[in-house]
Amino acid sequence: GVSHAILGPNGAGKTTLIRVLTTQIR
């Protein structure tokens, strides 16, 4: 129920984390 932000520079791992979370990569 919350709004949670992930912040970090380009290459920090944000998109990789999101892709694992959304089952796109293992």
mmCIF file of all heavy atoms, coordinates in Angstrom:
data_MODEL
# 
_entry.id   MODEL 
# 
loop_
_atom_site.group_PDB 
_atom_site.id 
_atom_site.type_symbol 
_atom_site.label_atom_id 
_atom_site.label_alt_id 
_atom_site.label_comp_id 
_atom_site.label_asym_id 
_atom_site.label_entity_id 
_atom_site.label_seq_id 
_atom_site.pdbx_PDB_ins_code 
_atom_site.Cartn_x 
_atom_site.Cartn_y 
_atom_site.Cartn_z 
_atom_site.occupancy 
_atom_site.B_iso_or_equiv 
_atom_site.pdbx_formal_charge 
_atom_site.auth_seq_id 
_atom_site.auth_comp_id 
_atom_site.auth_asym_id 
_atom_site.auth_atom_id 
_atom_site.pdbx_PDB_model_num 
ATOM 1   N N   . GLY A 1 1  ? 0.768  -1.232  0.000   1.00 0.00 ? 1  GLY A N   1 
ATOM 2   C CA  . GLY A 1 1  ? 0.000  0.000   0.000   1.00 0.00 ? 1  GLY A CA  1 
ATOM 3   C C   . GLY A 1 1  ? 0.797  1.278   0.000   1.00 0.00 ? 1  GLY A C   1 
ATOM 4   O O   . GLY A 1 1  ? 0.214  2.369   -0.049  1.00 0.00 ? 1  GLY A O   1 
ATOM 5   N N   . VAL A 1 2  ? 2.133  1.206   0.012   1.00 0.00 ? 2  VAL A N   1 
ATOM 6   C CA  . VAL A 1 2  ? 2.945  2.419   0.057   1.00 0.00 ? 2  VAL A CA  1 
ATOM 7   C C   . VAL A 1 2  ? 3.435  2.792   -1.336  1.00 0.00 ? 2  VAL A C   1 
ATOM 8   O O   . VAL A 1 2  ? 3.309  2.034   -2.297  1.00 0.00 ? 2  VAL A O   1 
ATOM 9   C CB  . VAL A 1 2  ? 4.164  2.261   0.997   1.00 0.00 ? 2  VAL A CB  1 
ATOM 10  C CG1 . VAL A 1 2  ? 3.727  1.800   2.381   1.00 0.00 ? 2  VAL A CG1 1 
ATOM 11  C CG2 . VAL A 1 2  ? 5.204  1.310   0.402   1.00 0.00 ? 2  VAL A CG2 1 
ATOM 12  N N   . SER A 1 3  ? 4.019  3.974   -1.435  1.00 0.00 ? 3  SER A N   1 
ATOM 13  C CA  . SER A 1 3  ? 4.738  4.400   -2.622  1.00 0.00 ? 3  SER A CA  1 
ATOM 14  C C   . SER A 1 3  ? 6.218  4.401   -2.258  1.00 0.00 ? 3  SER A C   1 
ATOM 15  O O   . SER A 1 3  ? 6.643  5.111   -1.345  1.00 0.00 ? 3  SER A O   1 
ATOM 16  C CB  . SER A 1 3  ? 4.296  5.806   -3.040  1.00 0.00 ? 3  SER A CB  1 
ATOM 17  O OG  . SER A 1 3  ? 5.054  6.271   -4.142  1.00 0.00 ? 3  SER A OG  1 
ATOM 18  N N   . HIS A 1 4  ? 7.013  3.585   -2.952  1.00 0.00 ? 4  HIS A N   1 
ATOM 19  C CA  . HIS A 1 4  ? 8.415  3.371   -2.593  1.00 0.00 ? 4  HIS A CA  1 
ATOM 20  C C   . HIS A 1 4  ? 9.284  3.681   -3.800  1.00 0.00 ? 4  HIS A C   1 
ATOM 21  O O   . HIS A 1 4  ? 9.094  3.115   -4.878  1.00 0.00 ? 4  HIS A O   1 
ATOM 22  C CB  . HIS A 1 4  ? 8.610  1.913   -2.160  1.00 0.00 ? 4  HIS A CB  1 
ATOM 23  C CG  . HIS A 1 4  ? 9.915  1.639   -1.496  1.00 0.00 ? 4  HIS A CG  1 
ATOM 24  N ND1 . HIS A 1 4  ? 10.006 1.085   -0.229  1.00 0.00 ? 4  HIS A ND1 1 
ATOM 25  C CD2 . HIS A 1 4  ? 11.204 1.824   -1.904  1.00 0.00 ? 4  HIS A CD2 1 
ATOM 26  C CE1 . HIS A 1 4  ? 11.281 0.947   0.101   1.00 0.00 ? 4  HIS A CE1 1 
ATOM 27  N NE2 . HIS A 1 4  ? 12.022 1.379   -0.902  1.00 0.00 ? 4  HIS A NE2 1 
ATOM 28  N N   . ALA A 1 5  ? 10.255 4.587   -3.623  1.00 0.00 ? 5  ALA A N   1 
ATOM 29  C CA  . ALA A 1 5  ? 11.140 4.986   -4.712  1.00 0.00 ? 5  ALA A CA  1 
ATOM 30  C C   . ALA A 1 5  ? 12.498 4.329   -4.578  1.00 0.00 ? 5  ALA A C   1 
ATOM 31  O O   . ALA A 1 5  ? 13.013 4.157   -3.473  1.00 0.00 ? 5  ALA A O   1 
ATOM 32  C CB  . ALA A 1 5  ? 11.307 6.504   -4.734  1.00 0.00 ? 5  ALA A CB  1 
ATOM 33  N N   . ILE A 1 6  ? 13.090 3.975   -5.712  1.00 0.00 ? 6  ILE A N   1 
ATOM 34  C CA  . ILE A 1 6  ? 14.469 3.498   -5.764  1.00 0.00 ? 6  ILE A CA  1 
ATOM 35  C C   . ILE A 1 6  ? 15.267 4.539   -6.554  1.00 0.00 ? 6  ILE A C   1 
ATOM 36  O O   . ILE A 1 6  ? 14.939 4.857   -7.689  1.00 0.00 ? 6  ILE A O   1 
ATOM 37  C CB  . ILE A 1 6  ? 14.567 2.088   -6.404  1.00 0.00 ? 6  ILE A CB  1 
ATOM 38  C CG1 . ILE A 1 6  ? 15.997 1.573   -6.372  1.00 0.00 ? 6  ILE A CG1 1 
ATOM 39  C CG2 . ILE A 1 6  ? 13.982 2.038   -7.787  1.00 0.00 ? 6  ILE A CG2 1 
ATOM 40  C CD1 . ILE A 1 6  ? 16.398 0.931   -5.086  1.00 0.00 ? 6  ILE A CD1 1 
ATOM 41  N N   . LEU A 1 7  ? 16.299 5.102   -5.931  1.00 0.00 ? 7  LEU A N   1 
ATOM 42  C CA  . LEU A 1 7  ? 17.082 6.179   -6.527  1.00 0.00 ? 7  LEU A CA  1 
ATOM 43  C C   . LEU A 1 7  ? 18.522 5.747   -6.708  1.00 0.00 ? 7  LEU A C   1 
ATOM 44  O O   . LEU A 1 7  ? 19.084 5.081   -5.837  1.00 0.00 ? 7  LEU A O   1 
ATOM 45  C CB  . LEU A 1 7  ? 17.063 7.414   -5.625  1.00 0.00 ? 7  LEU A CB  1 
ATOM 46  C CG  . LEU A 1 7  ? 15.713 8.012   -5.278  1.00 0.00 ? 7  LEU A CG  1 
ATOM 47  C CD1 . LEU A 1 7  ? 15.895 9.175   -4.330  1.00 0.00 ? 7  LEU A CD1 1 
ATOM 48  C CD2 . LEU A 1 7  ? 14.995 8.450   -6.519  1.00 0.00 ? 7  LEU A CD2 1 
ATOM 49  N N   . GLY A 1 8  ? 19.109 6.147   -7.807  1.00 0.00 ? 8  GLY A N   1 
ATOM 50  C CA  . GLY A 1 8  ? 20.504 5.833   -8.045  1.00 0.00 ? 8  GLY A CA  1 
ATOM 51  C C   . GLY A 1 8  ? 20.919 6.279   -9.424  1.00 0.00 ? 8  GLY A C   1 
ATOM 52  O O   . GLY A 1 8  ? 20.083 6.472   -10.305 1.00 0.00 ? 8  GLY A O   1 
ATOM 53  N N   . PRO A 1 9  ? 22.217 6.443   -9.656  1.00 0.00 ? 9  PRO A N   1 
ATOM 54  C CA  . PRO A 1 9  ? 22.699 6.906   -10.953 1.00 0.00 ? 9  PRO A CA  1 
ATOM 55  C C   . PRO A 1 9  ? 22.565 5.840   -12.025 1.00 0.00 ? 9  PRO A C   1 
ATOM 56  O O   . PRO A 1 9  ? 22.274 4.675   -11.748 1.00 0.00 ? 9  PRO A O   1 
ATOM 57  C CB  . PRO A 1 9  ? 24.179 7.232   -10.682 1.00 0.00 ? 9  PRO A CB  1 
ATOM 58  C CG  . PRO A 1 9  ? 24.546 6.316   -9.567  1.00 0.00 ? 9  PRO A CG  1 
ATOM 59  C CD  . PRO A 1 9  ? 23.322 6.234   -8.707  1.00 0.00 ? 9  PRO A CD  1 
ATOM 60  N N   . ASN A 1 10 ? 22.793 6.237   -13.262 1.00 0.00 ? 10 ASN A N   1 
ATOM 61  C CA  . ASN A 1 10 ? 22.763 5.304   -14.374 1.00 0.00 ? 10 ASN A CA  1 
ATOM 62  C C   . ASN A 1 10 ? 23.788 4.193   -14.134 1.00 0.00 ? 10 ASN A C   1 
ATOM 63  O O   . ASN A 1 10 ? 24.941 4.454   -13.810 1.00 0.00 ? 10 ASN A O   1 
ATOM 64  C CB  . ASN A 1 10 ? 23.104 6.055   -15.671 1.00 0.00 ? 10 ASN A CB  1 
ATOM 65  C CG  . ASN A 1 10 ? 22.820 5.238   -16.899 1.00 0.00 ? 10 ASN A CG  1 
ATOM 66  O OD1 . ASN A 1 10 ? 22.071 4.269   -16.858 1.00 0.00 ? 10 ASN A OD1 1 
ATOM 67  N ND2 . ASN A 1 10 ? 23.419 5.628   -18.016 1.00 0.00 ? 10 ASN A ND2 1 
ATOM 68  N N   . GLY A 1 11 ? 23.360 2.941   -14.268 1.00 0.00 ? 11 GLY A N   1 
ATOM 69  C CA  . GLY A 1 11 ? 24.250 1.814   -14.040 1.00 0.00 ? 11 GLY A CA  1 
ATOM 70  C C   . GLY A 1 11 ? 24.299 1.329   -12.609 1.00 0.00 ? 11 GLY A C   1 
ATOM 71  O O   . GLY A 1 11 ? 25.043 0.397   -12.293 1.00 0.00 ? 11 GLY A O   1 
ATOM 72  N N   . ALA A 1 12 ? 23.485 1.922   -11.737 1.00 0.00 ? 12 ALA A N   1 
ATOM 73  C CA  . ALA A 1 12 ? 23.514 1.530   -10.327 1.00 0.00 ? 12 ALA A CA  1 
ATOM 74  C C   . ALA A 1 12 ? 22.806 0.206   -10.066 1.00 0.00 ? 12 ALA A C   1 
ATOM 75  O O   . ALA A 1 12 ? 23.025 -0.420  -9.032  1.00 0.00 ? 12 ALA A O   1 
ATOM 76  C CB  . ALA A 1 12 ? 22.880 2.629   -9.464  1.00 0.00 ? 12 ALA A CB  1 
ATOM 77  N N   . GLY A 1 13 ? 21.940 -0.205  -10.990 1.00 0.00 ? 13 GLY A N   1 
ATOM 78  C CA  . GLY A 1 13 ? 21.225 -1.463  -10.816 1.00 0.00 ? 13 GLY A CA  1 
ATOM 79  C C   . GLY A 1 13 ? 19.725 -1.333  -10.716 1.00 0.00 ? 13 GLY A C   1 
ATOM 80  O O   . GLY A 1 13 ? 19.024 -2.336  -10.516 1.00 0.00 ? 13 GLY A O   1 
ATOM 81  N N   . LYS A 1 14 ? 19.182 -0.126  -10.878 1.00 0.00 ? 14 LYS A N   1 
ATOM 82  C CA  . LYS A 1 14 ? 17.745 0.094   -10.726 1.00 0.00 ? 14 LYS A CA  1 
ATOM 83  C C   . LYS A 1 14 ? 16.936 -0.738  -11.720 1.00 0.00 ? 14 LYS A C   1 
ATOM 84  O O   . LYS A 1 14 ? 16.016 -1.458  -11.348 1.00 0.00 ? 14 LYS A O   1 
ATOM 85  C CB  . LYS A 1 14 ? 17.399 1.581   -10.905 1.00 0.00 ? 14 LYS A CB  1 
ATOM 86  C CG  . LYS A 1 14 ? 18.080 2.537   -9.964  1.00 0.00 ? 14 LYS A CG  1 
ATOM 87  C CD  . LYS A 1 14 ? 17.512 3.941   -10.080 1.00 0.00 ? 14 LYS A CD  1 
ATOM 88  C CE  . LYS A 1 14 ? 17.546 4.532   -11.463 1.00 0.00 ? 14 LYS A CE  1 
ATOM 89  N NZ  . LYS A 1 14 ? 18.922 4.802   -11.950 1.00 0.00 ? 14 LYS A NZ  1 
ATOM 90  N N   . THR A 1 15 ? 17.284 -0.618  -13.003 1.00 0.00 ? 15 THR A N   1 
ATOM 91  C CA  . THR A 1 15 ? 16.516 -1.309  -14.030 1.00 0.00 ? 15 THR A CA  1 
ATOM 92  C C   . THR A 1 15 ? 16.692 -2.821  -13.930 1.00 0.00 ? 15 THR A C   1 
ATOM 93  O O   . THR A 1 15 ? 15.733 -3.580  -14.149 1.00 0.00 ? 15 THR A O   1 
ATOM 94  C CB  . THR A 1 15 ? 16.908 -0.801  -15.428 1.00 0.00 ? 15 THR A CB  1 
ATOM 95  O OG1 . THR A 1 15 ? 16.534 0.586   -15.531 1.00 0.00 ? 15 THR A OG1 1 
ATOM 96  C CG2 . THR A 1 15 ? 16.192 -1.577  -16.517 1.00 0.00 ? 15 THR A CG2 1 
ATOM 97  N N   . THR A 1 16 ? 17.886 -3.277  -13.580 1.00 0.00 ? 16 THR A N   1 
ATOM 98  C CA  . THR A 1 16 ? 18.095 -4.721  -13.388 1.00 0.00 ? 16 THR A CA  1 
ATOM 99  C C   . THR A 1 16 ? 17.210 -5.234  -12.262 1.00 0.00 ? 16 THR A C   1 
ATOM 100 O O   . THR A 1 16 ? 16.566 -6.289  -12.386 1.00 0.00 ? 16 THR A O   1 
ATOM 101 C CB  . THR A 1 16 ? 19.570 -5.020  -13.069 1.00 0.00 ? 16 THR A CB  1 
ATOM 102 O OG1 . THR A 1 16 ? 20.375 -4.651  -14.188 1.00 0.00 ? 16 THR A OG1 1 
ATOM 103 C CG2 . THR A 1 16 ? 19.771 -6.498  -12.775 1.00 0.00 ? 16 THR A CG2 1 
ATOM 104 N N   . LEU A 1 17 ? 17.148 -4.500  -11.163 1.00 0.00 ? 17 LEU A N   1 
ATOM 105 C CA  . LEU A 1 17 ? 16.283 -4.887  -10.046 1.00 0.00 ? 17 LEU A CA  1 
ATOM 106 C C   . LEU A 1 17 ? 14.827 -4.970  -10.496 1.00 0.00 ? 17 LEU A C   1 
ATOM 107 O O   . LEU A 1 17 ? 14.115 -5.933  -10.178 1.00 0.00 ? 17 LEU A O   1 
ATOM 108 C CB  . LEU A 1 17 ? 16.434 -3.872  -8.906  1.00 0.00 ? 17 LEU A CB  1 
ATOM 109 C CG  . LEU A 1 17 ? 15.488 -4.036  -7.715  1.00 0.00 ? 17 LEU A CG  1 
ATOM 110 C CD1 . LEU A 1 17 ? 15.655 -5.400  -7.050  1.00 0.00 ? 17 LEU A CD1 1 
ATOM 111 C CD2 . LEU A 1 17 ? 15.720 -2.914  -6.694  1.00 0.00 ? 17 LEU A CD2 1 
ATOM 112 N N   . ILE A 1 18 ? 14.387 -3.989  -11.258 1.00 0.00 ? 18 ILE A N   1 
ATOM 113 C CA  . ILE A 1 18 ? 13.005 -3.970  -11.731 1.00 0.00 ? 18 ILE A CA  1 
ATOM 114 C C   . ILE A 1 18 ? 12.740 -5.131  -12.692 1.00 0.00 ? 18 ILE A C   1 
ATOM 115 O O   . ILE A 1 18 ? 11.673 -5.754  -12.654 1.00 0.00 ? 18 ILE A O   1 
ATOM 116 C CB  . ILE A 1 18 ? 12.684 -2.610  -12.386 1.00 0.00 ? 18 ILE A CB  1 
ATOM 117 C CG1 . ILE A 1 18 ? 12.473 -1.553  -11.293 1.00 0.00 ? 18 ILE A CG1 1 
ATOM 118 C CG2 . ILE A 1 18 ? 11.459 -2.701  -13.288 1.00 0.00 ? 18 ILE A CG2 1 
ATOM 119 C CD1 . ILE A 1 18 ? 12.218 -0.156  -11.815 1.00 0.00 ? 18 ILE A CD1 1 
ATOM 120 N N   . ARG A 1 19 ? 13.706 -5.463  -13.518 1.00 0.00 ? 19 ARG A N   1 
ATOM 121 C CA  . ARG A 1 19 ? 13.501 -6.558  -14.469 1.00 0.00 ? 19 ARG A CA  1 
ATOM 122 C C   . ARG A 1 19 ? 13.464 -7.913  -13.780 1.00 0.00 ? 19 ARG A C   1 
ATOM 123 O O   . ARG A 1 19 ? 12.755 -8.816  -14.221 1.00 0.00 ? 19 ARG A O   1 
ATOM 124 C CB  . ARG A 1 19 ? 14.571 -6.503  -15.555 1.00 0.00 ? 19 ARG A CB  1 
ATOM 125 C CG  . ARG A 1 19 ? 14.328 -5.366  -16.542 1.00 0.00 ? 19 ARG A CG  1 
ATOM 126 C CD  . ARG A 1 19 ? 15.423 -5.204  -17.557 1.00 0.00 ? 19 ARG A CD  1 
ATOM 127 N NE  . ARG A 1 19 ? 15.077 -4.148  -18.515 1.00 0.00 ? 19 ARG A NE  1 
ATOM 128 C CZ  . ARG A 1 19 ? 15.928 -3.593  -19.367 1.00 0.00 ? 19 ARG A CZ  1 
ATOM 129 N NH1 . ARG A 1 19 ? 17.190 -4.014  -19.385 1.00 0.00 ? 19 ARG A NH1 1 
ATOM 130 N NH2 . ARG A 1 19 ? 15.533 -2.639  -20.190 1.00 0.00 ? 19 ARG A NH2 1 
ATOM 131 N N   . VAL A 1 20 ? 14.227 -8.057  -12.715 1.00 0.00 ? 20 VAL A N   1 
ATOM 132 C CA  . VAL A 1 20 ? 14.118 -9.289  -11.927 1.00 0.00 ? 20 VAL A CA  1 
ATOM 133 C C   . VAL A 1 20 ? 12.757 -9.330  -11.242 1.00 0.00 ? 20 VAL A C   1 
ATOM 134 O O   . VAL A 1 20 ? 12.063 -10.363 -11.257 1.00 0.00 ? 20 VAL A O   1 
ATOM 135 C CB  . VAL A 1 20 ? 15.250 -9.377  -10.881 1.00 0.00 ? 20 VAL A CB  1 
ATOM 136 C CG1 . VAL A 1 20 ? 15.007 -10.560 -9.939  1.00 0.00 ? 20 VAL A CG1 1 
ATOM 137 C CG2 . VAL A 1 20 ? 16.605 -9.515  -11.552 1.00 0.00 ? 20 VAL A CG2 1 
ATOM 138 N N   . LEU A 1 21 ? 12.365 -8.222  -10.666 1.00 0.00 ? 21 LEU A N   1 
ATOM 139 C CA  . LEU A 1 21 ? 11.096 -8.134  -9.944  1.00 0.00 ? 21 LEU A CA  1 
ATOM 140 C C   . LEU A 1 21 ? 9.909  -8.445  -10.841 1.00 0.00 ? 21 LEU A C   1 
ATOM 141 O O   . LEU A 1 21 ? 8.942  -9.092  -10.414 1.00 0.00 ? 21 LEU A O   1 
ATOM 142 C CB  . LEU A 1 21 ? 10.960 -6.720  -9.360  1.00 0.00 ? 21 LEU A CB  1 
ATOM 143 C CG  . LEU A 1 21 ? 9.654  -6.329  -8.695  1.00 0.00 ? 21 LEU A CG  1 
ATOM 144 C CD1 . LEU A 1 21 ? 9.410  -7.156  -7.445  1.00 0.00 ? 21 LEU A CD1 1 
ATOM 145 C CD2 . LEU A 1 21 ? 9.662  -4.832  -8.352  1.00 0.00 ? 21 LEU A CD2 1 
ATOM 146 N N   . THR A 1 22 ? 9.985  -8.024  -12.108 1.00 0.00 ? 22 THR A N   1 
ATOM 147 C CA  . THR A 1 22 ? 8.867  -8.224  -13.040 1.00 0.00 ? 22 THR A CA  1 
ATOM 148 C C   . THR A 1 22 ? 9.018  -9.510  -13.861 1.00 0.00 ? 22 THR A C   1 
ATOM 149 O O   . THR A 1 22 ? 8.330  -9.685  -14.865 1.00 0.00 ? 22 THR A O   1 
ATOM 150 C CB  . THR A 1 22 ? 8.735  -7.013  -13.978 1.00 0.00 ? 22 THR A CB  1 
ATOM 151 O OG1 . THR A 1 22 ? 9.996  -6.745  -14.608 1.00 0.00 ? 22 THR A OG1 1 
ATOM 152 C CG2 . THR A 1 22 ? 8.296  -5.773  -13.206 1.00 0.00 ? 22 THR A CG2 1 
ATOM 153 N N   . THR A 1 23 ? 9.921  -10.393 -13.440 1.00 0.00 ? 23 THR A N   1 
ATOM 154 C CA  . THR A 1 23 ? 10.132 -11.745 -13.995 1.00 0.00 ? 23 THR A CA  1 
ATOM 155 C C   . THR A 1 23 ? 10.723 -11.732 -15.396 1.00 0.00 ? 23 THR A C   1 
ATOM 156 O O   . THR A 1 23 ? 10.652 -12.740 -16.105 1.00 0.00 ? 23 THR A O   1 
ATOM 157 C CB  . THR A 1 23 ? 8.846  -12.600 -13.991 1.00 0.00 ? 23 THR A CB  1 
ATOM 158 O OG1 . THR A 1 23 ? 7.977  -12.188 -15.052 1.00 0.00 ? 23 THR A OG1 1 
ATOM 159 C CG2 . THR A 1 23 ? 8.107  -12.510 -12.658 1.00 0.00 ? 23 THR A CG2 1 
ATOM 160 N N   . GLN A 1 24 ? 11.336 -10.639 -15.823 1.00 0.00 ? 24 GLN A N   1 
ATOM 161 C CA  . GLN A 1 24 ? 11.925 -10.602 -17.164 1.00 0.00 ? 24 GLN A CA  1 
ATOM 162 C C   . GLN A 1 24 ? 13.278 -11.296 -17.223 1.00 0.00 ? 24 GLN A C   1 
ATOM 163 O O   . GLN A 1 24 ? 13.635 -11.841 -18.269 1.00 0.00 ? 24 GLN A O   1 
ATOM 164 C CB  . GLN A 1 24 ? 12.083 -9.150  -17.615 1.00 0.00 ? 24 GLN A CB  1 
ATOM 165 C CG  . GLN A 1 24 ? 10.771 -8.396  -17.749 1.00 0.00 ? 24 GLN A CG  1 
ATOM 166 C CD  . GLN A 1 24 ? 11.023 -6.945  -18.086 1.00 0.00 ? 24 GLN A CD  1 
ATOM 167 O OE1 . GLN A 1 24 ? 11.331 -6.602  -19.226 1.00 0.00 ? 24 GLN A OE1 1 
ATOM 168 N NE2 . GLN A 1 24 ? 10.899 -6.074  -17.103 1.00 0.00 ? 24 GLN A NE2 1 
ATOM 169 N N   . ILE A 1 25 ? 14.051 -11.218 -16.141 1.00 0.00 ? 25 ILE A N   1 
ATOM 170 C CA  . ILE A 1 25 ? 15.340 -11.893 -16.090 1.00 0.00 ? 25 ILE A CA  1 
ATOM 171 C C   . ILE A 1 25 ? 15.448 -12.649 -14.762 1.00 0.00 ? 25 ILE A C   1 
ATOM 172 O O   . ILE A 1 25 ? 14.791 -12.290 -13.784 1.00 0.00 ? 25 ILE A O   1 
ATOM 173 C CB  . ILE A 1 25 ? 16.526 -10.914 -16.240 1.00 0.00 ? 25 ILE A CB  1 
ATOM 174 C CG1 . ILE A 1 25 ? 16.511 -9.852  -15.126 1.00 0.00 ? 25 ILE A CG1 1 
ATOM 175 C CG2 . ILE A 1 25 ? 16.533 -10.267 -17.605 1.00 0.00 ? 25 ILE A CG2 1 
ATOM 176 C CD1 . ILE A 1 25 ? 17.716 -8.926  -15.162 1.00 0.00 ? 25 ILE A CD1 1 
ATOM 177 N N   . ARG A 1 26 ? 16.273 -13.671 -14.748 1.00 0.00 ? 26 ARG A N   1 
ATOM 178 C CA  . ARG A 1 26 ? 16.443 -14.492 -13.550 1.00 0.00 ? 26 ARG A CA  1 
ATOM 179 C C   . ARG A 1 26 ? 17.629 -13.990 -12.740 1.00 0.00 ? 26 ARG A C   1 
ATOM 180 O O   . ARG A 1 26 ? 18.656 -13.590 -13.304 1.00 0.00 ? 26 ARG A O   1 
ATOM 181 C CB  . ARG A 1 26 ? 16.668 -15.958 -13.929 1.00 0.00 ? 26 ARG A CB  1 
ATOM 182 C CG  . ARG A 1 26 ? 15.491 -16.601 -14.631 1.00 0.00 ? 26 ARG A CG  1 
ATOM 183 C CD  . ARG A 1 26 ? 15.877 -17.975 -15.175 1.00 0.00 ? 26 ARG A CD  1 
ATOM 184 N NE  . ARG A 1 26 ? 16.123 -18.921 -14.095 1.00 0.00 ? 26 ARG A NE  1 
ATOM 185 C CZ  . ARG A 1 26 ? 15.211 -19.748 -13.593 1.00 0.00 ? 26 ARG A CZ  1 
ATOM 186 N NH1 . ARG A 1 26 ? 13.975 -19.728 -14.090 1.00 0.00 ? 26 ARG A NH1 1 
ATOM 187 N NH2 . ARG A 1 26 ? 15.504 -20.583 -12.636 1.00 0.00 ? 26 ARG A NH2 1 
# 
